[in-house]
Amino acid sequence: GGFAPVGRFLAVSMAKILNGAKPRELNQIFEEAP
């Protein structure tokens, strides 16, 4: 799917942070399909 899956993961994480979530509290792991 190109960069779309990881891009969406990062966008969702960014939205959570901008809505007040602490960056440290978020899941950092996103594994791409082999």
Full PDB file with SEQRES, HELIX, SHEET, SSBOND, CRYST1, ORIGX, SCALE, CONECT and MASTER records, all heavy atoms in Angstrom:
SEQRES   1 A   34  GLY GLY PHE ALA PRO VAL GLY ARG PHE LEU ALA VAL SER          
SEQRES   2 A   34  MET ALA LYS ILE LEU ASN GLY ALA LYS PRO ARG GLU LEU          
SEQRES   3 A   34  ASN GLN ILE PHE GLU GLU ALA PRO                              
HELIX    1 AA1 ALA A    4  LEU A   18  1                                  15    
HELIX    2 AA2 PRO A   23  GLU A   25  5                                   3    
CRYST1    1.000    1.000    1.000  90.00  90.00  90.00 P 1           1          
ORIGX1      1.000000  0.000000  0.000000        0.00000                         
ORIGX2      0.000000  1.000000  0.000000        0.00000                         
ORIGX3      0.000000  0.000000  1.000000        0.00000                         
SCALE1      1.000000  0.000000  0.000000        0.00000                         
SCALE2      0.000000  1.000000  0.000000        0.00000                         
SCALE3      0.000000  0.000000  1.000000        0.00000                         
ATOM      1  N   GLY A   1       0.807  -1.218   0.000  1.00  0.00           N  
ATOM      2  CA  GLY A   1       0.000   0.000   0.000  1.00  0.00           C  
ATOM      3  C   GLY A   1       0.837   1.263   0.000  1.00  0.00           C  
ATOM      4  O   GLY A   1       0.346   2.347   0.318  1.00  0.00           O  
ATOM      5  N   GLY A   2       2.138   1.123  -0.357  1.00  0.00           N  
ATOM      6  CA  GLY A   2       3.009   2.295  -0.373  1.00  0.00           C  
ATOM      7  C   GLY A   2       3.246   2.811   1.042  1.00  0.00           C  
ATOM      8  O   GLY A   2       3.340   2.047   1.996  1.00  0.00           O  
ATOM      9  N   PHE A   3       3.333   4.133   1.174  1.00  0.00           N  
ATOM     10  CA  PHE A   3       3.549   4.744   2.484  1.00  0.00           C  
ATOM     11  C   PHE A   3       2.238   5.023   3.210  1.00  0.00           C  
ATOM     12  O   PHE A   3       2.248   5.525   4.334  1.00  0.00           O  
ATOM     13  CB  PHE A   3       4.328   6.058   2.327  1.00  0.00           C  
ATOM     14  CG  PHE A   3       5.792   5.863   2.080  1.00  0.00           C  
ATOM     15  CD1 PHE A   3       6.295   5.855   0.792  1.00  0.00           C  
ATOM     16  CD2 PHE A   3       6.672   5.691   3.137  1.00  0.00           C  
ATOM     17  CE1 PHE A   3       7.653   5.673   0.556  1.00  0.00           C  
ATOM     18  CE2 PHE A   3       8.029   5.507   2.921  1.00  0.00           C  
ATOM     19  CZ  PHE A   3       8.518   5.496   1.621  1.00  0.00           C  
ATOM     20  N   ALA A   4       1.099   4.698   2.579  1.00  0.00           N  
ATOM     21  CA  ALA A   4      -0.197   5.046   3.157  1.00  0.00           C  
ATOM     22  C   ALA A   4      -0.428   4.435   4.547  1.00  0.00           C  
ATOM     23  O   ALA A   4      -0.865   5.142   5.459  1.00  0.00           O  
ATOM     24  CB  ALA A   4      -1.325   4.664   2.202  1.00  0.00           C  
ATOM     25  N   PRO A   5      -0.152   3.138   4.771  1.00  0.00           N  
ATOM     26  CA  PRO A   5      -0.421   2.570   6.100  1.00  0.00           C  
ATOM     27  C   PRO A   5       0.393   3.233   7.221  1.00  0.00           C  
ATOM     28  O   PRO A   5      -0.164   3.584   8.261  1.00  0.00           O  
ATOM     29  CB  PRO A   5      -0.043   1.096   5.929  1.00  0.00           C  
ATOM     30  CG  PRO A   5      -0.211   0.831   4.469  1.00  0.00           C  
ATOM     31  CD  PRO A   5       0.224   2.092   3.793  1.00  0.00           C  
ATOM     32  N   VAL A   6       1.701   3.404   7.008  1.00  0.00           N  
ATOM     33  CA  VAL A   6       2.507   4.046   8.047  1.00  0.00           C  
ATOM     34  C   VAL A   6       2.146   5.523   8.162  1.00  0.00           C  
ATOM     35  O   VAL A   6       2.162   6.094   9.262  1.00  0.00           O  
ATOM     36  CB  VAL A   6       4.021   3.860   7.782  1.00  0.00           C  
ATOM     37  CG1 VAL A   6       4.472   4.603   6.543  1.00  0.00           C  
ATOM     38  CG2 VAL A   6       4.836   4.313   8.995  1.00  0.00           C  
ATOM     39  N   GLY A   7       1.779   6.146   7.043  1.00  0.00           N  
ATOM     40  CA  GLY A   7       1.346   7.543   7.077  1.00  0.00           C  
ATOM     41  C   GLY A   7       0.099   7.724   7.915  1.00  0.00           C  
ATOM     42  O   GLY A   7      -0.006   8.667   8.712  1.00  0.00           O  
ATOM     43  N   ARG A   8      -0.837   6.799   7.767  1.00  0.00           N  
ATOM     44  CA  ARG A   8      -2.069   6.871   8.572  1.00  0.00           C  
ATOM     45  C   ARG A   8      -1.757   6.652  10.048  1.00  0.00           C  
ATOM     46  O   ARG A   8      -2.305   7.342  10.917  1.00  0.00           O  
ATOM     47  CB  ARG A   8      -3.084   5.833   8.080  1.00  0.00           C  
ATOM     48  CG  ARG A   8      -4.362   5.771   8.916  1.00  0.00           C  
ATOM     49  CD  ARG A   8      -5.424   4.924   8.247  1.00  0.00           C  
ATOM     50  NE  ARG A   8      -5.974   5.637   7.101  1.00  0.00           N  
ATOM     51  CZ  ARG A   8      -6.961   6.515   7.172  1.00  0.00           C  
ATOM     52  NH1 ARG A   8      -7.503   6.816   8.339  1.00  0.00           N  
ATOM     53  NH2 ARG A   8      -7.429   7.108   6.094  1.00  0.00           N  
ATOM     54  N   PHE A   9      -0.885   5.696  10.353  1.00  0.00           N  
ATOM     55  CA  PHE A   9      -0.490   5.446  11.741  1.00  0.00           C  
ATOM     56  C   PHE A   9       0.099   6.711  12.365  1.00  0.00           C  
ATOM     57  O   PHE A   9      -0.249   7.091  13.487  1.00  0.00           O  
ATOM     58  CB  PHE A   9       0.526   4.299  11.792  1.00  0.00           C  
ATOM     59  CG  PHE A   9       1.180   4.115  13.134  1.00  0.00           C  
ATOM     60  CD1 PHE A   9       0.494   3.498  14.173  1.00  0.00           C  
ATOM     61  CD2 PHE A   9       2.471   4.557  13.362  1.00  0.00           C  
ATOM     62  CE1 PHE A   9       1.088   3.329  15.421  1.00  0.00           C  
ATOM     63  CE2 PHE A   9       3.079   4.387  14.602  1.00  0.00           C  
ATOM     64  CZ  PHE A   9       2.389   3.773  15.630  1.00  0.00           C  
ATOM     65  N   LEU A  10       0.974   7.381  11.630  1.00  0.00           N  
ATOM     66  CA  LEU A  10       1.599   8.594  12.144  1.00  0.00           C  
ATOM     67  C   LEU A  10       0.590   9.740  12.254  1.00  0.00           C  
ATOM     68  O   LEU A  10       0.633  10.526  13.201  1.00  0.00           O  
ATOM     69  CB  LEU A  10       2.771   8.994  11.250  1.00  0.00           C  
ATOM     70  CG  LEU A  10       3.978   8.054  11.288  1.00  0.00           C  
ATOM     71  CD1 LEU A  10       4.956   8.380  10.167  1.00  0.00           C  
ATOM     72  CD2 LEU A  10       4.678   8.110  12.639  1.00  0.00           C  
ATOM     73  N   ALA A  11      -0.317   9.840  11.285  1.00  0.00           N  
ATOM     74  CA  ALA A  11      -1.330  10.896  11.328  1.00  0.00           C  
ATOM     75  C   ALA A  11      -2.257  10.725  12.524  1.00  0.00           C  
ATOM     76  O   ALA A  11      -2.604  11.701  13.209  1.00  0.00           O  
ATOM     77  CB  ALA A  11      -2.136  10.900  10.025  1.00  0.00           C  
ATOM     78  N   VAL A  12      -2.660   9.490  12.782  1.00  0.00           N  
ATOM     79  CA  VAL A  12      -3.529   9.222  13.934  1.00  0.00           C  
ATOM     80  C   VAL A  12      -2.792   9.551  15.231  1.00  0.00           C  
ATOM     81  O   VAL A  12      -3.363  10.150  16.159  1.00  0.00           O  
ATOM     82  CB  VAL A  12      -3.998   7.749  13.932  1.00  0.00           C  
ATOM     83  CG1 VAL A  12      -4.663   7.392  15.258  1.00  0.00           C  
ATOM     84  CG2 VAL A  12      -4.963   7.496  12.780  1.00  0.00           C  
ATOM     85  N   SER A  13      -1.504   9.182  15.301  1.00  0.00           N  
ATOM     86  CA  SER A  13      -0.703   9.485  16.492  1.00  0.00           C  
ATOM     87  C   SER A  13      -0.580  10.987  16.686  1.00  0.00           C  
ATOM     88  O   SER A  13      -0.697  11.498  17.812  1.00  0.00           O  
ATOM     89  CB  SER A  13       0.683   8.845  16.366  1.00  0.00           C  
ATOM     90  OG  SER A  13       0.590   7.437  16.214  1.00  0.00           O  
ATOM     91  N   MET A  14      -0.356  11.716  15.592  1.00  0.00           N  
ATOM     92  CA  MET A  14      -0.249  13.172  15.667  1.00  0.00           C  
ATOM     93  C   MET A  14      -1.560  13.787  16.145  1.00  0.00           C  
ATOM     94  O   MET A  14      -1.556  14.698  16.985  1.00  0.00           O  
ATOM     95  CB  MET A  14       0.128  13.741  14.297  1.00  0.00           C  
ATOM     96  CG  MET A  14       0.330  15.241  14.291  1.00  0.00           C  
ATOM     97  SD  MET A  14       0.768  15.872  12.647  1.00  0.00           S  
ATOM     98  CE  MET A  14       2.407  15.164  12.437  1.00  0.00           C  
ATOM     99  N   ALA A  15      -2.671  13.289  15.628  1.00  0.00           N  
ATOM    100  CA  ALA A  15      -3.973  13.813  16.035  1.00  0.00           C  
ATOM    101  C   ALA A  15      -4.206  13.606  17.530  1.00  0.00           C  
ATOM    102  O   ALA A  15      -4.728  14.485  18.223  1.00  0.00           O  
ATOM    103  CB  ALA A  15      -5.080  13.137  15.225  1.00  0.00           C  
ATOM    104  N   LYS A  16      -3.799  12.451  18.038  1.00  0.00           N  
ATOM    105  CA  LYS A  16      -3.951  12.177  19.466  1.00  0.00           C  
ATOM    106  C   LYS A  16      -3.123  13.153  20.302  1.00  0.00           C  
ATOM    107  O   LYS A  16      -3.586  13.660  21.336  1.00  0.00           O  
ATOM    108  CB  LYS A  16      -3.544  10.739  19.774  1.00  0.00           C  
ATOM    109  CG  LYS A  16      -4.511   9.687  19.225  1.00  0.00           C  
ATOM    110  CD  LYS A  16      -4.002   8.280  19.525  1.00  0.00           C  
ATOM    111  CE  LYS A  16      -4.975   7.230  18.988  1.00  0.00           C  
ATOM    112  NZ  LYS A  16      -4.479   5.846  19.221  1.00  0.00           N  
ATOM    113  N   ILE A  17      -1.909  13.424  19.851  1.00  0.00           N  
ATOM    114  CA  ILE A  17      -1.046  14.354  20.578  1.00  0.00           C  
ATOM    115  C   ILE A  17      -1.635  15.755  20.564  1.00  0.00           C  
ATOM    116  O   ILE A  17      -1.689  16.445  21.586  1.00  0.00           O  
ATOM    117  CB  ILE A  17       0.379  14.348  19.975  1.00  0.00           C  
ATOM    118  CG1 ILE A  17       1.050  12.997  20.205  1.00  0.00           C  
ATOM    119  CG2 ILE A  17       1.222  15.464  20.582  1.00  0.00           C  
ATOM    120  CD1 ILE A  17       2.355  12.822  19.446  1.00  0.00           C  
ATOM    121  N   LEU A  18      -2.102  16.196  19.408  1.00  0.00           N  
ATOM    122  CA  LEU A  18      -2.681  17.532  19.296  1.00  0.00           C  
ATOM    123  C   LEU A  18      -3.972  17.655  20.100  1.00  0.00           C  
ATOM    124  O   LEU A  18      -4.388  18.761  20.466  1.00  0.00           O  
ATOM    125  CB  LEU A  18      -2.923  17.881  17.827  1.00  0.00           C  
ATOM    126  CG  LEU A  18      -1.654  18.067  16.984  1.00  0.00           C  
ATOM    127  CD1 LEU A  18      -2.013  18.245  15.507  1.00  0.00           C  
ATOM    128  CD2 LEU A  18      -0.836  19.255  17.471  1.00  0.00           C  
ATOM    129  N   ASN A  19      -4.599  16.523  20.376  1.00  0.00           N  
ATOM    130  CA  ASN A  19      -5.811  16.514  21.200  1.00  0.00           C  
ATOM    131  C   ASN A  19      -5.491  16.372  22.685  1.00  0.00           C  
ATOM    132  O   ASN A  19      -6.405  16.266  23.512  1.00  0.00           O  
ATOM    133  CB  ASN A  19      -6.745  15.376  20.774  1.00  0.00           C  
ATOM    134  CG  ASN A  19      -7.673  15.798  19.646  1.00  0.00           C  
ATOM    135  OD1 ASN A  19      -8.133  16.939  19.619  1.00  0.00           O  
ATOM    136  ND2 ASN A  19      -7.940  14.895  18.718  1.00  0.00           N  
ATOM    137  N   GLY A  20      -4.195  16.357  23.030  1.00  0.00           N  
ATOM    138  CA  GLY A  20      -3.820  16.377  24.437  1.00  0.00           C  
ATOM    139  C   GLY A  20      -3.143  15.145  24.990  1.00  0.00           C  
ATOM    140  O   GLY A  20      -2.732  15.132  26.157  1.00  0.00           O  
ATOM    141  N   ALA A  21      -3.008  14.075  24.186  1.00  0.00           N  
ATOM    142  CA  ALA A  21      -2.352  12.862  24.677  1.00  0.00           C  
ATOM    143  C   ALA A  21      -0.855  13.101  24.854  1.00  0.00           C  
ATOM    144  O   ALA A  21      -0.237  13.838  24.085  1.00  0.00           O  
ATOM    145  CB  ALA A  21      -2.581  11.709  23.711  1.00  0.00           C  
ATOM    146  N   LYS A  22      -0.265  12.487  25.859  1.00  0.00           N  
ATOM    147  CA  LYS A  22       1.179  12.555  26.027  1.00  0.00           C  
ATOM    148  C   LYS A  22       1.835  11.638  24.992  1.00  0.00           C  
ATOM    149  O   LYS A  22       1.470  10.467  24.879  1.00  0.00           O  
ATOM    150  CB  LYS A  22       1.587  12.113  27.425  1.00  0.00           C  
ATOM    151  CG  LYS A  22       1.273  13.106  28.524  1.00  0.00           C  
ATOM    152  CD  LYS A  22       1.813  12.602  29.858  1.00  0.00           C  
ATOM    153  CE  LYS A  22       1.509  13.617  30.977  1.00  0.00           C  
ATOM    154  NZ  LYS A  22       2.028  13.124  32.288  1.00  0.00           N  
ATOM    155  N   PRO A  23       2.805  12.140  24.246  1.00  0.00           N  
ATOM    156  CA  PRO A  23       3.474  11.300  23.249  1.00  0.00           C  
ATOM    157  C   PRO A  23       3.987   9.981  23.830  1.00  0.00           C  
ATOM    158  O   PRO A  23       3.909   8.939  23.174  1.00  0.00           O  
ATOM    159  CB  PRO A  23       4.619  12.191  22.768  1.00  0.00           C  
ATOM    160  CG  PRO A  23       4.094  13.579  22.941  1.00  0.00           C  
ATOM    161  CD  PRO A  23       3.267  13.533  24.191  1.00  0.00           C  
ATOM    162  N   ARG A  24       4.503  10.027  25.044  1.00  0.00           N  
ATOM    163  CA  ARG A  24       5.078   8.826  25.661  1.00  0.00           C  
ATOM    164  C   ARG A  24       4.042   7.734  25.895  1.00  0.00           C  
ATOM    165  O   ARG A  24       4.384   6.540  25.944  1.00  0.00           O  
ATOM    166  CB  ARG A  24       5.734   9.215  26.992  1.00  0.00           C  
ATOM    167  CG  ARG A  24       6.492   8.088  27.678  1.00  0.00           C  
ATOM    168  CD  ARG A  24       7.150   8.582  28.952  1.00  0.00           C  
ATOM    169  NE  ARG A  24       7.988   7.571  29.576  1.00  0.00           N  
ATOM    170  CZ  ARG A  24       8.738   7.784  30.649  1.00  0.00           C  
ATOM    171  NH1 ARG A  24       8.748   8.983  31.212  1.00  0.00           N  
ATOM    172  NH2 ARG A  24       9.476   6.814  31.154  1.00  0.00           N  
ATOM    173  N   GLU A  25       2.782   8.122  26.017  1.00  0.00           N  
ATOM    174  CA  GLU A  25       1.729   7.156  26.324  1.00  0.00           C  
ATOM    175  C   GLU A  25       1.246   6.396  25.091  1.00  0.00           C  
ATOM    176  O   GLU A  25       0.524   5.409  25.210  1.00  0.00           O  
ATOM    177  CB  GLU A  25       0.546   7.871  26.981  1.00  0.00           C  
ATOM    178  CG  GLU A  25       0.883   8.478  28.340  1.00  0.00           C  
ATOM    179  CD  GLU A  25      -0.268   9.290  28.913  1.00  0.00           C  
ATOM    180  OE1 GLU A  25      -1.214   9.596  28.147  1.00  0.00           O  
ATOM    181  OE2 GLU A  25      -0.223   9.616  30.113  1.00  0.00           O  
ATOM    182  N   LEU A  26       1.655   6.850  23.890  1.00  0.00           N  
ATOM    183  CA  LEU A  26       1.161   6.239  22.662  1.00  0.00           C  
ATOM    184  C   LEU A  26       1.986   5.018  22.257  1.00  0.00           C  
ATOM    185  O   LEU A  26       3.163   4.916  22.562  1.00  0.00           O  
ATOM    186  CB  LEU A  26       1.187   7.263  21.526  1.00  0.00           C  
ATOM    187  CG  LEU A  26       0.378   8.540  21.739  1.00  0.00           C  
ATOM    188  CD1 LEU A  26       0.485   9.430  20.514  1.00  0.00           C  
ATOM    189  CD2 LEU A  26      -1.084   8.224  22.051  1.00  0.00           C  
ATOM    190  N   ASN A  27       1.327   4.112  21.549  1.00  0.00           N  
ATOM    191  CA  ASN A  27       2.016   2.956  20.981  1.00  0.00           C  
ATOM    192  C   ASN A  27       2.949   3.425  19.868  1.00  0.00           C  
ATOM    193  O   ASN A  27       2.522   4.090  18.923  1.00  0.00           O  
ATOM    194  CB  ASN A  27       0.996   1.954  20.430  1.00  0.00           C  
ATOM    195  CG  ASN A  27       1.656   0.852  19.627  1.00  0.00           C  
ATOM    196  OD1 ASN A  27       2.736   0.368  19.985  1.00  0.00           O  
ATOM    197  ND2 ASN A  27       1.028   0.459  18.534  1.00  0.00           N  
ATOM    198  N   GLN A  28       4.226   3.063  19.964  1.00  0.00           N  
ATOM    199  CA  GLN A  28       5.206   3.486  18.960  1.00  0.00           C  
ATOM    200  C   GLN A  28       5.429   2.445  17.866  1.00  0.00           C  
ATOM    201  O   GLN A  28       6.021   2.739  16.835  1.00  0.00           O  
ATOM    202  CB  GLN A  28       6.568   3.753  19.624  1.00  0.00           C  
ATOM    203  CG  GLN A  28       6.542   4.812  20.702  1.00  0.00           C  
ATOM    204  CD  GLN A  28       7.932   5.056  21.279  1.00  0.00           C  
ATOM    205  OE1 GLN A  28       8.434   6.170  21.226  1.00  0.00           O  
ATOM    206  NE2 GLN A  28       8.551   4.028  21.838  1.00  0.00           N  
ATOM    207  N   ILE A  29       4.964   1.223  18.098  1.00  0.00           N  
ATOM    208  CA  ILE A  29       5.305   0.121  17.198  1.00  0.00           C  
ATOM    209  C   ILE A  29       4.324   0.026  16.041  1.00  0.00           C  
ATOM    210  O   ILE A  29       3.108  -0.060  16.226  1.00  0.00           O  
ATOM    211  CB  ILE A  29       5.332  -1.218  17.958  1.00  0.00           C  
ATOM    212  CG1 ILE A  29       6.416  -1.172  19.046  1.00  0.00           C  
ATOM    213  CG2 ILE A  29       5.586  -2.381  17.007  1.00  0.00           C  
ATOM    214  CD1 ILE A  29       6.441  -2.392  19.942  1.00  0.00           C  
ATOM    215  N   PHE A  30       4.870   0.063  14.834  1.00  0.00           N  
ATOM    216  CA  PHE A  30       4.067  -0.182  13.636  1.00  0.00           C  
ATOM    217  C   PHE A  30       4.919  -1.020  12.689  1.00  0.00           C  
ATOM    218  O   PHE A  30       5.888  -0.529  12.113  1.00  0.00           O  
ATOM    219  CB  PHE A  30       3.649   1.122  12.951  1.00  0.00           C  
ATOM    220  CG  PHE A  30       2.771   0.906  11.743  1.00  0.00           C  
ATOM    221  CD1 PHE A  30       1.403   0.769  11.887  1.00  0.00           C  
ATOM    222  CD2 PHE A  30       3.319   0.818  10.473  1.00  0.00           C  
ATOM    223  CE1 PHE A  30       0.591   0.555  10.786  1.00  0.00           C  
ATOM    224  CE2 PHE A  30       2.515   0.612   9.359  1.00  0.00           C  
ATOM    225  CZ  PHE A  30       1.145   0.475   9.515  1.00  0.00           C  
ATOM    226  N   GLU A  31       4.584  -2.289  12.558  1.00  0.00           N  
ATOM    227  CA  GLU A  31       5.350  -3.193  11.710  1.00  0.00           C  
ATOM    228  C   GLU A  31       4.720  -3.275  10.326  1.00  0.00           C  
ATOM    229  O   GLU A  31       3.503  -3.446  10.202  1.00  0.00           O  
ATOM    230  CB  GLU A  31       5.411  -4.585  12.333  1.00  0.00           C  
ATOM    231  CG  GLU A  31       6.171  -4.632  13.653  1.00  0.00           C  
ATOM    232  CD  GLU A  31       6.326  -6.039  14.184  1.00  0.00           C  
ATOM    233  OE1 GLU A  31       5.324  -6.766  14.194  1.00  0.00           O  
ATOM    234  OE2 GLU A  31       7.452  -6.395  14.578  1.00  0.00           O  
ATOM    235  N   GLU A  32       5.564  -3.161   9.318  1.00  0.00           N  
ATOM    236  CA  GLU A  32       5.086  -3.259   7.946  1.00  0.00           C  
ATOM    237  C   GLU A  32       5.076  -4.711   7.492  1.00  0.00           C  
ATOM    238  O   GLU A  32       5.928  -5.504   7.889  1.00  0.00           O  
ATOM    239  CB  GLU A  32       5.975  -2.427   7.019  1.00  0.00           C  
ATOM    240  CG  GLU A  32       5.920  -0.947   7.348  1.00  0.00           C  
ATOM    241  CD  GLU A  32       6.773  -0.116   6.413  1.00  0.00           C  
ATOM    242  OE1 GLU A  32       6.332   0.125   5.279  1.00  0.00           O  
ATOM    243  OE2 GLU A  32       7.874   0.284   6.813  1.00  0.00           O  
ATOM    244  N   ALA A  33       4.115  -5.045   6.656  1.00  0.00           N  
ATOM    245  CA  ALA A  33       4.003  -6.420   6.157  1.00  0.00           C  
ATOM    246  C   ALA A  33       5.226  -6.779   5.315  1.00  0.00           C  
ATOM    247  O   ALA A  33       5.687  -5.963   4.514  1.00  0.00           O  
ATOM    248  CB  ALA A  33       2.729  -6.564   5.323  1.00  0.00           C  
ATOM    249  N   PRO A  34       5.763  -8.009   5.478  1.00  0.00           N  
ATOM    250  CA  PRO A  34       6.965  -8.408   4.749  1.00  0.00           C  
ATOM    251  C   PRO A  34       6.677  -8.845   3.318  1.00  0.00           C  
ATOM    252  O   PRO A  34       6.675 -10.029   2.992  1.00  0.00           O  
ATOM    253  CB  PRO A  34       7.491  -9.579   5.586  1.00  0.00           C  
ATOM    254  CG  PRO A  34       6.267 -10.190   6.176  1.00  0.00           C  
ATOM    255  CD  PRO A  34       5.310  -9.051   6.412  1.00  0.00           C  
TER     256      PRO A  34                                                      
MASTER        0    0    0    2    0    0    0    6  255    1    0    3          
END                                                                             
